[in-house]
Structure formats: structure tokens, C-alpha cells
Amino acid sequence: MRSTLRSTLPARPSLPVRVLVPAAGAAALLLASALPAGAHVRAVPDVTAAGSYSVVTFRVPNESDTAATTSLQVALPTGTPFTHVAVEPVPGWTATVQEGPLPEPVEVSGTTITQAPLSVTWTAEPGTAGIAVGQFQEFDLQVGPLPAQGTRVVLPAVQTYADGEVADWSQVADEGAAEPDSPAPEFTTTAAAGHGTHASTAAGEDATAVAAAAPSGTSGTSGTSGADGTARALGAAGLVLGAAALVLALLRRRAPAPR
């Protein structure tokens, strides 16, 4: 009779199952939190300091369920124009920078200019897929110099699909207002860097090169040794925890079942 009772007891889940179930839930929660709130065309600058030259990444998702994106046109500011605009080549796409006269002369870095780059258009080359359904593409644009601190750099965009549909990302919200349905890509400039972005970048690259070439016993080596020591300590802690979990699992398996 005792053996029958033991055979009808529900199987006890092993330790790995108990660990994996909450871990899977946590992973799902993390993935959900990482999803963007709205899939719009965005402008992400790598530098926002006034007077600097920034690489602005336009992140373009395809929001159509049936057609690919075949073109993106971005309008550049004319009130605070850029004197320098350069595109990074994207395989399968042709980029065109259109220059023209400004509505009125503008002074930039002490020079009065009457014409400047007005727009940039990326067009999918014939025979290519463009931005397919469920995908996105990034287009990089180097611009500068950036205008004075606190300037909203608004970059309206027009996204065209293969079926002729057009998405106009040009709405601009007032300061502090909620984001509109079709917001224009934009960013706001910040305080100017002390010695200019180019000088700061060069200094940072030189410092990195010196640290990489530093001989044994210098600060570069000690930093690497510290990182190695931390990695070893974490590895040892992981082994200890793993061994403890294994012992706990064995003890649970050996424990007599309830009668």
C-alpha cells in the first residue's frame, strides 16, 4: 500500500525547471520593455554641442503591412542652415543632396551665406528590396556646424512606399506638448564644447592609442589587470554558486518522499 501511494504522488519538478520558469518570465518582461513606444522616423545625433559637426542617424521603420519603403526625403533647416552635409553610402540606396538659395541671407560662423543644402533624398536602387515589411533601415548624415545652444533642429521627412503611399513626418509639437501622430524628426542643441568637437575627438583617439601602446607596469596595463582580476573573481563566485546548487539538488532528490 505504501509503494502505491508513492507511485501516485505527482513528480517533483527538478531544480533547473524551477529556475528556468521565472528566468523565462523575466526575459519576456525585459523584451517587452525594450520595444519602442511608437515606430516613427527618428533622428539620433551622436553630438549635439553647438558649433560641432554631428553624424545624425535617421532610423526608418517600415510601417506598411504590404509594401516596402523605397524613398526617404529629409528637409534641412533654412533658418539655421548647415554649410556642410555629407552622406554615408548605404548598399542598395542612392543618396542625393539638393542645394539651393535660402529664403533670406543667414550668418553662419561669421560668414553670410545665401545658399545651402536644402534636402537629402535616399532612393532604393532598381531591383533592390528597399525596406521590406517588418524591417527598418538607418541612414547616416554628417552635418554642421550645429546652431546655437537650445536650438530645435527640426528635420521633416517624407517616407514613400512601393505602392505609392506616402507618410509625411512633419508635425512639430509645442514645447512640453504631447508628441503628435506624425512627428518630425528633431533634436535640440546643447552647450558648445570647450575646444570644438574635432579637437576633443582627436585628443580622445590619441589618449586611446597611448593607453593601448603602454608598456607593462603603466596605467594601461594596470587597468587591464584589474579587469582580469574582477573577471576571475566573478568566475570563481559562479563556480561556488553552481556547486552549491548541485548539492542542494542532490539533497532534495535523496530526501524521503512524504508518506
C-alpha atoms as a PDB file:
ATOM      1  CA  MET A   1       0.000   0.000   0.000  1.00  0.00           C
ATOM      2  CA  ARG A   2       2.862   2.354   0.820  1.00  0.00           C
ATOM      3  CA  SER A   3       4.512   1.753  -2.552  1.00  0.00           C
ATOM      4  CA  THR A   4       1.221   2.523  -4.310  1.00  0.00           C
ATOM      5  CA  LEU A   5       0.928   5.863  -2.546  1.00  0.00           C
ATOM      6  CA  ARG A   6       4.451   6.741  -3.566  1.00  0.00           C
ATOM      7  CA  SER A   7       3.807   5.920  -7.195  1.00  0.00           C
ATOM      8  CA  THR A   8       0.730   8.133  -7.367  1.00  0.00           C
ATOM      9  CA  LEU A   9       2.401  11.231  -5.905  1.00  0.00           C
ATOM     10  CA  PRO A  10       2.982  13.975  -8.509  1.00  0.00           C
ATOM     11  CA  ALA A  11       6.522  14.207  -9.756  1.00  0.00           C
ATOM     12  CA  ARG A  12       8.562  16.918  -8.075  1.00  0.00           C
ATOM     13  CA  PRO A  13       9.948  19.405 -10.616  1.00  0.00           C
ATOM     14  CA  SER A  14      13.725  19.372 -10.773  1.00  0.00           C
ATOM     15  CA  LEU A  15      15.736  22.435  -9.792  1.00  0.00           C
ATOM     16  CA  PRO A  16      16.569  23.524 -13.357  1.00  0.00           C
ATOM     17  CA  VAL A  17      12.863  23.720 -14.240  1.00  0.00           C
ATOM     18  CA  ARG A  18      12.120  25.918 -11.225  1.00  0.00           C
ATOM     19  CA  VAL A  19      14.977  28.219 -12.166  1.00  0.00           C
ATOM     20  CA  LEU A  20      14.143  28.419 -15.870  1.00  0.00           C
ATOM     21  CA  VAL A  21      10.453  29.281 -15.453  1.00  0.00           C
ATOM     22  CA  PRO A  22      10.971  32.613 -13.622  1.00  0.00           C
ATOM     23  CA  ALA A  23      14.010  33.341 -15.805  1.00  0.00           C
ATOM     24  CA  ALA A  24      11.897  32.965 -18.940  1.00  0.00           C
ATOM     25  CA  GLY A  25       9.278  35.309 -17.483  1.00  0.00           C
ATOM     26  CA  ALA A  26      11.931  37.891 -16.664  1.00  0.00           C
ATOM     27  CA  ALA A  27      13.347  37.640 -20.188  1.00  0.00           C
ATOM     28  CA  ALA A  28       9.906  38.183 -21.691  1.00  0.00           C
ATOM     29  CA  LEU A  29       9.350  41.230 -19.480  1.00  0.00           C
ATOM     30  CA  LEU A  30      12.729  42.662 -20.468  1.00  0.00           C
ATOM     31  CA  LEU A  31      11.966  42.148 -24.162  1.00  0.00           C
ATOM     32  CA  ALA A  32       8.597  43.869 -23.839  1.00  0.00           C
ATOM     33  CA  SER A  33      10.124  46.858 -22.073  1.00  0.00           C
ATOM     34  CA  ALA A  34      12.727  47.198 -24.843  1.00  0.00           C
ATOM     35  CA  LEU A  35      10.133  47.605 -27.595  1.00  0.00           C
ATOM     36  CA  PRO A  36       9.707  51.202 -28.835  1.00  0.00           C
ATOM     37  CA  ALA A  37       6.522  53.011 -27.893  1.00  0.00           C
ATOM     38  CA  GLY A  38       5.962  54.267 -31.435  1.00  0.00           C
ATOM     39  CA  ALA A  39       7.597  53.233 -34.699  1.00  0.00           C
ATOM     40  CA  HIS A  40       8.294  56.638 -36.277  1.00  0.00           C
ATOM     41  CA  VAL A  41      11.174  58.053 -38.286  1.00  0.00           C
ATOM     42  CA  ARG A  42      13.683  59.301 -35.724  1.00  0.00           C
ATOM     43  CA  ALA A  43      16.818  61.468 -35.882  1.00  0.00           C
ATOM     44  CA  VAL A  44      19.543  60.389 -33.459  1.00  0.00           C
ATOM     45  CA  PRO A  45      22.632  62.670 -33.364  1.00  0.00           C
ATOM     46  CA  ASP A  46      25.942  61.451 -31.975  1.00  0.00           C
ATOM     47  CA  VAL A  47      26.864  65.027 -30.940  1.00  0.00           C
ATOM     48  CA  THR A  48      24.573  67.939 -30.042  1.00  0.00           C
ATOM     49  CA  ALA A  49      27.096  70.605 -28.955  1.00  0.00           C
ATOM     50  CA  ALA A  50      26.671  73.964 -30.658  1.00  0.00           C
ATOM     51  CA  GLY A  51      29.311  74.590 -33.312  1.00  0.00           C
ATOM     52  CA  SER A  52      30.143  70.909 -33.665  1.00  0.00           C
ATOM     53  CA  TYR A  53      29.756  68.545 -36.602  1.00  0.00           C
ATOM     54  CA  SER A  54      27.360  65.710 -35.870  1.00  0.00           C
ATOM     55  CA  VAL A  55      26.514  62.403 -37.506  1.00  0.00           C
ATOM     56  CA  VAL A  56      22.727  62.211 -37.434  1.00  0.00           C
ATOM     57  CA  THR A  57      21.241  58.734 -37.854  1.00  0.00           C
ATOM     58  CA  PHE A  58      17.774  58.564 -39.364  1.00  0.00           C
ATOM     59  CA  ARG A  59      16.095  55.377 -38.134  1.00  0.00           C
ATOM     60  CA  VAL A  60      13.346  54.467 -40.600  1.00  0.00           C
ATOM     61  CA  PRO A  61      10.902  51.635 -39.797  1.00  0.00           C
ATOM     62  CA  ASN A  62       8.540  50.207 -42.400  1.00  0.00           C
ATOM     63  CA  GLU A  63       5.010  50.664 -41.042  1.00  0.00           C
ATOM     64  CA  SER A  64       3.213  49.188 -44.050  1.00  0.00           C
ATOM     65  CA  ASP A  65       1.856  45.631 -43.931  1.00  0.00           C
ATOM     66  CA  THR A  66       2.017  45.153 -47.698  1.00  0.00           C
ATOM     67  CA  ALA A  67       4.640  47.390 -49.320  1.00  0.00           C
ATOM     68  CA  ALA A  68       8.341  48.194 -48.976  1.00  0.00           C
ATOM     69  CA  THR A  69       9.759  51.668 -48.341  1.00  0.00           C
ATOM     70  CA  THR A  70      11.500  52.908 -51.478  1.00  0.00           C
ATOM     71  CA  SER A  71      12.385  56.513 -50.650  1.00  0.00           C
ATOM     72  CA  LEU A  72      13.117  58.871 -47.770  1.00  0.00           C
ATOM     73  CA  GLN A  73      13.425  62.625 -48.221  1.00  0.00           C
ATOM     74  CA  VAL A  74      14.628  64.828 -45.364  1.00  0.00           C
ATOM     75  CA  ALA A  75      14.268  68.619 -45.410  1.00  0.00           C
ATOM     76  CA  LEU A  76      17.172  70.543 -43.866  1.00  0.00           C
ATOM     77  CA  PRO A  77      16.733  73.757 -41.857  1.00  0.00           C
ATOM     78  CA  THR A  78      16.920  77.061 -43.715  1.00  0.00           C
ATOM     79  CA  GLY A  79      16.767  79.434 -40.723  1.00  0.00           C
ATOM     80  CA  THR A  80      19.877  77.828 -39.221  1.00  0.00           C
ATOM     81  CA  PRO A  81      21.347  76.113 -42.288  1.00  0.00           C
ATOM     82  CA  PHE A  82      24.201  73.653 -42.415  1.00  0.00           C
ATOM     83  CA  THR A  83      27.201  74.601 -44.525  1.00  0.00           C
ATOM     84  CA  HIS A  84      28.458  71.028 -44.512  1.00  0.00           C
ATOM     85  CA  VAL A  85      26.347  67.988 -45.402  1.00  0.00           C
ATOM     86  CA  ALA A  86      27.782  64.561 -46.277  1.00  0.00           C
ATOM     87  CA  VAL A  87      26.057  61.199 -46.656  1.00  0.00           C
ATOM     88  CA  GLU A  88      27.345  57.760 -45.737  1.00  0.00           C
ATOM     89  CA  PRO A  89      26.847  55.251 -48.588  1.00  0.00           C
ATOM     90  CA  VAL A  90      24.198  52.592 -47.965  1.00  0.00           C
ATOM     91  CA  PRO A  91      24.276  49.465 -50.151  1.00  0.00           C
ATOM     92  CA  GLY A  92      21.256  49.349 -52.443  1.00  0.00           C
ATOM     93  CA  TRP A  93      20.436  53.043 -51.991  1.00  0.00           C
ATOM     94  CA  THR A  94      21.302  56.242 -53.878  1.00  0.00           C
ATOM     95  CA  ALA A  95      21.647  59.466 -51.876  1.00  0.00           C
ATOM     96  CA  THR A  96      21.183  62.918 -53.392  1.00  0.00           C
ATOM     97  CA  VAL A  97      21.909  66.228 -51.638  1.00  0.00           C
ATOM     98  CA  GLN A  98      19.995  69.154 -53.141  1.00  0.00           C
ATOM     99  CA  GLU A  99      21.419  72.651 -52.706  1.00  0.00           C
ATOM    100  CA  GLY A 100      19.636  75.911 -53.403  1.00  0.00           C
ATOM    101  CA  PRO A 101      19.085  79.525 -52.387  1.00  0.00           C
ATOM    102  CA  LEU A 102      17.936  80.307 -48.866  1.00  0.00           C
ATOM    103  CA  PRO A 103      14.757  82.339 -48.234  1.00  0.00           C
ATOM    104  CA  GLU A 104      16.995  85.099 -46.854  1.00  0.00           C
ATOM    105  CA  PRO A 105      20.723  85.517 -46.138  1.00  0.00           C
ATOM    106  CA  VAL A 106      21.920  83.898 -42.893  1.00  0.00           C
ATOM    107  CA  GLU A 107      25.127  84.435 -40.950  1.00  0.00           C
ATOM    108  CA  VAL A 108      26.911  81.203 -40.021  1.00  0.00           C
ATOM    109  CA  SER A 109      30.207  81.271 -38.091  1.00  0.00           C
ATOM    110  CA  GLY A 110      30.762  84.915 -39.043  1.00  0.00           C
ATOM    111  CA  THR A 111      30.035  84.412 -42.734  1.00  0.00           C
ATOM    112  CA  THR A 112      26.870  85.455 -44.540  1.00  0.00           C
ATOM    113  CA  ILE A 113      25.558  82.702 -46.802  1.00  0.00           C
ATOM    114  CA  THR A 114      22.763  82.871 -49.362  1.00  0.00           C
ATOM    115  CA  GLN A 115      22.552  79.215 -50.370  1.00  0.00           C
ATOM    116  CA  ALA A 116      22.998  75.901 -48.599  1.00  0.00           C
ATOM    117  CA  PRO A 117      21.981  72.226 -48.728  1.00  0.00           C
ATOM    118  CA  LEU A 118      18.174  72.132 -48.598  1.00  0.00           C
ATOM    119  CA  SER A 119      17.304  68.423 -48.597  1.00  0.00           C
ATOM    120  CA  VAL A 120      18.663  64.891 -48.805  1.00  0.00           C
ATOM    121  CA  THR A 121      16.870  62.048 -50.582  1.00  0.00           C
ATOM    122  CA  TRP A 122      17.654  58.347 -50.284  1.00  0.00           C
ATOM    123  CA  THR A 123      16.155  56.203 -53.061  1.00  0.00           C
ATOM    124  CA  ALA A 124      16.210  52.406 -53.301  1.00  0.00           C
ATOM    125  CA  GLU A 125      18.047  51.288 -56.421  1.00  0.00           C
ATOM    126  CA  PRO A 126      16.083  49.380 -59.096  1.00  0.00           C
ATOM    127  CA  GLY A 127      15.948  45.665 -58.427  1.00  0.00           C
ATOM    128  CA  THR A 128      16.534  46.031 -54.674  1.00  0.00           C
ATOM    129  CA  ALA A 129      14.036  45.319 -51.911  1.00  0.00           C
ATOM    130  CA  GLY A 130      14.172  48.732 -50.218  1.00  0.00           C
ATOM    131  CA  ILE A 131      12.986  48.487 -46.605  1.00  0.00           C
ATOM    132  CA  ALA A 132      10.851  45.352 -46.573  1.00  0.00           C
ATOM    133  CA  VAL A 133       7.767  44.744 -44.446  1.00  0.00           C
ATOM    134  CA  GLY A 134       8.728  44.237 -40.805  1.00  0.00           C
ATOM    135  CA  GLN A 135      12.203  45.762 -41.248  1.00  0.00           C
ATOM    136  CA  PHE A 136      13.917  49.097 -40.660  1.00  0.00           C
ATOM    137  CA  GLN A 137      16.924  50.903 -42.110  1.00  0.00           C
ATOM    138  CA  GLU A 138      19.346  53.511 -40.800  1.00  0.00           C
ATOM    139  CA  PHE A 139      20.722  56.380 -42.889  1.00  0.00           C
ATOM    140  CA  ASP A 140      23.659  58.447 -41.592  1.00  0.00           C
ATOM    141  CA  LEU A 141      24.146  62.114 -42.413  1.00  0.00           C
ATOM    142  CA  GLN A 142      27.058  64.274 -41.275  1.00  0.00           C
ATOM    143  CA  VAL A 143      26.035  67.892 -40.777  1.00  0.00           C
ATOM    144  CA  GLY A 144      27.478  71.045 -39.295  1.00  0.00           C
ATOM    145  CA  PRO A 145      28.225  73.310 -37.772  1.00  0.00           C
ATOM    146  CA  LEU A 146      25.296  72.931 -35.373  1.00  0.00           C
ATOM    147  CA  PRO A 147      23.463  76.158 -34.412  1.00  0.00           C
ATOM    148  CA  ALA A 148      23.482  77.898 -31.034  1.00  0.00           C
ATOM    149  CA  GLN A 149      22.650  76.129 -27.777  1.00  0.00           C
ATOM    150  CA  GLY A 150      18.954  75.442 -27.265  1.00  0.00           C
ATOM    151  CA  THR A 151      18.041  75.426 -30.969  1.00  0.00           C
ATOM    152  CA  ARG A 152      15.474  72.840 -32.032  1.00  0.00           C
ATOM    153  CA  VAL A 153      16.825  71.276 -35.201  1.00  0.00           C
ATOM    154  CA  VAL A 154      13.692  70.065 -36.987  1.00  0.00           C
ATOM    155  CA  LEU A 155      14.184  67.705 -39.934  1.00  0.00           C
ATOM    156  CA  PRO A 156      10.820  66.914 -41.583  1.00  0.00           C
ATOM    157  CA  ALA A 157      10.824  63.647 -43.529  1.00  0.00           C
ATOM    158  CA  VAL A 158       8.691  62.128 -46.272  1.00  0.00           C
ATOM    159  CA  GLN A 159       8.626  58.328 -46.487  1.00  0.00           C
ATOM    160  CA  THR A 160       7.405  56.793 -49.754  1.00  0.00           C
ATOM    161  CA  TYR A 161       6.259  53.188 -50.237  1.00  0.00           C
ATOM    162  CA  ALA A 162       6.326  50.968 -53.314  1.00  0.00           C
ATOM    163  CA  ASP A 163       2.522  51.081 -53.629  1.00  0.00           C
ATOM    164  CA  GLY A 164       2.534  54.897 -53.782  1.00  0.00           C
ATOM    165  CA  GLU A 165       1.568  55.503 -50.155  1.00  0.00           C
ATOM    166  CA  VAL A 166       3.310  58.481 -48.560  1.00  0.00           C
ATOM    167  CA  ALA A 167       3.961  59.045 -44.861  1.00  0.00           C
ATOM    168  CA  ASP A 168       4.596  62.696 -44.004  1.00  0.00           C
ATOM    169  CA  TRP A 169       6.633  63.059 -40.805  1.00  0.00           C
ATOM    170  CA  SER A 170       6.415  66.838 -40.424  1.00  0.00           C
ATOM    171  CA  GLN A 171       4.288  67.674 -37.391  1.00  0.00           C
ATOM    172  CA  VAL A 172       6.057  69.778 -34.770  1.00  0.00           C
ATOM    173  CA  ALA A 173       4.722  69.899 -31.215  1.00  0.00           C
ATOM    174  CA  ASP A 174       4.929  72.954 -28.991  1.00  0.00           C
ATOM    175  CA  GLU A 175       7.435  72.850 -26.136  1.00  0.00           C
ATOM    176  CA  GLY A 176       6.148  70.480 -23.443  1.00  0.00           C
ATOM    177  CA  ALA A 177       3.186  69.291 -25.524  1.00  0.00           C
ATOM    178  CA  ALA A 178       2.427  65.640 -26.280  1.00  0.00           C
ATOM    179  CA  GLU A 179       4.016  64.073 -29.326  1.00  0.00           C
ATOM    180  CA  PRO A 180       1.819  64.389 -32.429  1.00  0.00           C
ATOM    181  CA  ASP A 181       0.714  61.456 -34.569  1.00  0.00           C
ATOM    182  CA  SER A 182       3.304  62.102 -37.301  1.00  0.00           C
ATOM    183  CA  PRO A 183       6.184  63.869 -35.519  1.00  0.00           C
ATOM    184  CA  ALA A 184       9.035  65.387 -37.465  1.00  0.00           C
ATOM    185  CA  PRO A 185      12.477  64.026 -36.541  1.00  0.00           C
ATOM    186  CA  GLU A 186      14.285  66.578 -34.395  1.00  0.00           C
ATOM    187  CA  PHE A 187      16.860  67.189 -31.695  1.00  0.00           C
ATOM    188  CA  THR A 188      17.964  70.155 -29.569  1.00  0.00           C
ATOM    189  CA  THR A 189      21.484  71.530 -29.465  1.00  0.00           C
ATOM    190  CA  THR A 190      23.449  71.828 -26.230  1.00  0.00           C
ATOM    191  CA  ALA A 191      26.298  73.984 -24.941  1.00  0.00           C
ATOM    192  CA  ALA A 192      29.368  74.289 -27.129  1.00  0.00           C
ATOM    193  CA  ALA A 193      32.356  72.081 -26.378  1.00  0.00           C
ATOM    194  CA  GLY A 194      35.436  73.704 -24.857  1.00  0.00           C
ATOM    195  CA  HIS A 195      37.811  73.220 -27.766  1.00  0.00           C
ATOM    196  CA  GLY A 196      35.498  72.040 -30.515  1.00  0.00           C
ATOM    197  CA  THR A 197      34.256  68.573 -31.254  1.00  0.00           C
ATOM    198  CA  HIS A 198      37.000  67.718 -33.733  1.00  0.00           C
ATOM    199  CA  ALA A 199      39.791  68.624 -31.292  1.00  0.00           C
ATOM    200  CA  SER A 200      38.139  66.714 -28.454  1.00  0.00           C
ATOM    201  CA  THR A 201      37.664  63.653 -30.630  1.00  0.00           C
ATOM    202  CA  ALA A 202      41.275  63.730 -31.797  1.00  0.00           C
ATOM    203  CA  ALA A 203      42.526  64.065 -28.228  1.00  0.00           C
ATOM    204  CA  GLY A 204      40.402  61.110 -27.168  1.00  0.00           C
ATOM    205  CA  GLU A 205      41.731  58.978 -30.018  1.00  0.00           C
ATOM    206  CA  ASP A 206      45.339  59.926 -29.140  1.00  0.00           C
ATOM    207  CA  ALA A 207      44.757  59.012 -25.486  1.00  0.00           C
ATOM    208  CA  THR A 208      43.307  55.662 -26.505  1.00  0.00           C
ATOM    209  CA  ALA A 209      46.286  54.950 -28.746  1.00  0.00           C
ATOM    210  CA  VAL A 210      48.771  55.807 -25.983  1.00  0.00           C
ATOM    211  CA  ALA A 211      46.951  53.592 -23.489  1.00  0.00           C
ATOM    212  CA  ALA A 212      46.911  50.706 -25.961  1.00  0.00           C
ATOM    213  CA  ALA A 213      50.661  51.037 -26.595  1.00  0.00           C
ATOM    214  CA  ALA A 214      51.625  51.488 -22.916  1.00  0.00           C
ATOM    215  CA  PRO A 215      54.355  49.044 -21.728  1.00  0.00           C
ATOM    216  CA  SER A 216      53.976  46.672 -18.800  1.00  0.00           C
ATOM    217  CA  GLY A 217      53.654  48.451 -15.448  1.00  0.00           C
ATOM    218  CA  THR A 218      51.876  51.550 -16.799  1.00  0.00           C
ATOM    219  CA  SER A 219      48.321  52.644 -16.101  1.00  0.00           C
ATOM    220  CA  GLY A 220      47.051  50.950 -19.264  1.00  0.00           C
ATOM    221  CA  THR A 221      48.328  47.570 -18.084  1.00  0.00           C
ATOM    222  CA  SER A 222      47.108  48.020 -14.529  1.00  0.00           C
ATOM    223  CA  GLY A 223      43.630  48.760 -15.834  1.00  0.00           C
ATOM    224  CA  THR A 224      43.677  45.532 -17.827  1.00  0.00           C
ATOM    225  CA  SER A 225      44.973  43.577 -14.833  1.00  0.00           C
ATOM    226  CA  GLY A 226      42.194  44.985 -12.669  1.00  0.00           C
ATOM    227  CA  ALA A 227      39.613  43.907 -15.206  1.00  0.00           C
ATOM    228  CA  ASP A 228      41.170  40.416 -15.395  1.00  0.00           C
ATOM    229  CA  GLY A 229      41.128  40.121 -11.611  1.00  0.00           C
ATOM    230  CA  THR A 230      37.483  41.089 -11.477  1.00  0.00           C
ATOM    231  CA  ALA A 231      36.649  38.552 -14.168  1.00  0.00           C
ATOM    232  CA  ARG A 232      38.472  35.792 -12.252  1.00  0.00           C
ATOM    233  CA  ALA A 233      36.664  36.698  -9.025  1.00  0.00           C
ATOM    234  CA  LEU A 234      33.293  36.600 -10.752  1.00  0.00           C
ATOM    235  CA  GLY A 235      34.171  33.275 -12.370  1.00  0.00           C
ATOM    236  CA  ALA A 236      35.132  31.759  -9.014  1.00  0.00           C
ATOM    237  CA  ALA A 237      31.923  33.027  -7.430  1.00  0.00           C
ATOM    238  CA  GLY A 238      29.958  31.466 -10.257  1.00  0.00           C
ATOM    239  CA  LEU A 239      31.631  28.089  -9.680  1.00  0.00           C
ATOM    240  CA  VAL A 240      30.854  28.223  -5.953  1.00  0.00           C
ATOM    241  CA  LEU A 241      27.210  29.049  -6.569  1.00  0.00           C
ATOM    242  CA  GLY A 242      26.955  26.305  -9.173  1.00  0.00           C
ATOM    243  CA  ALA A 243      28.402  23.736  -6.791  1.00  0.00           C
ATOM    244  CA  ALA A 244      26.018  24.826  -4.029  1.00  0.00           C
ATOM    245  CA  ALA A 245      23.050  24.478  -6.374  1.00  0.00           C
ATOM    246  CA  LEU A 246      24.172  20.974  -7.364  1.00  0.00           C
ATOM    247  CA  VAL A 247      24.493  19.873  -3.727  1.00  0.00           C
ATOM    248  CA  LEU A 248      21.046  21.287  -2.938  1.00  0.00           C
ATOM    249  CA  ALA A 249      19.534  19.440  -5.866  1.00  0.00           C
ATOM    250  CA  LEU A 250      21.129  16.133  -4.762  1.00  0.00           C
ATOM    251  CA  LEU A 251      19.887  16.576  -1.199  1.00  0.00           C
ATOM    252  CA  ARG A 252      16.350  17.194  -2.413  1.00  0.00           C
ATOM    253  CA  ARG A 253      16.423  14.089  -4.568  1.00  0.00           C
ATOM    254  CA  ARG A 254      17.644  11.955  -1.645  1.00  0.00           C
ATOM    255  CA  ALA A 255      15.073  13.334   0.809  1.00  0.00           C
ATOM    256  CA  PRO A 256      12.359  10.699   1.587  1.00  0.00           C
ATOM    257  CA  ALA A 257       9.016  11.298  -0.054  1.00  0.00           C
ATOM    258  CA  PRO A 258       6.086  12.156   2.276  1.00  0.00           C
ATOM    259  CA  ARG A 259       4.011   9.181   3.360  1.00  0.00           C
END
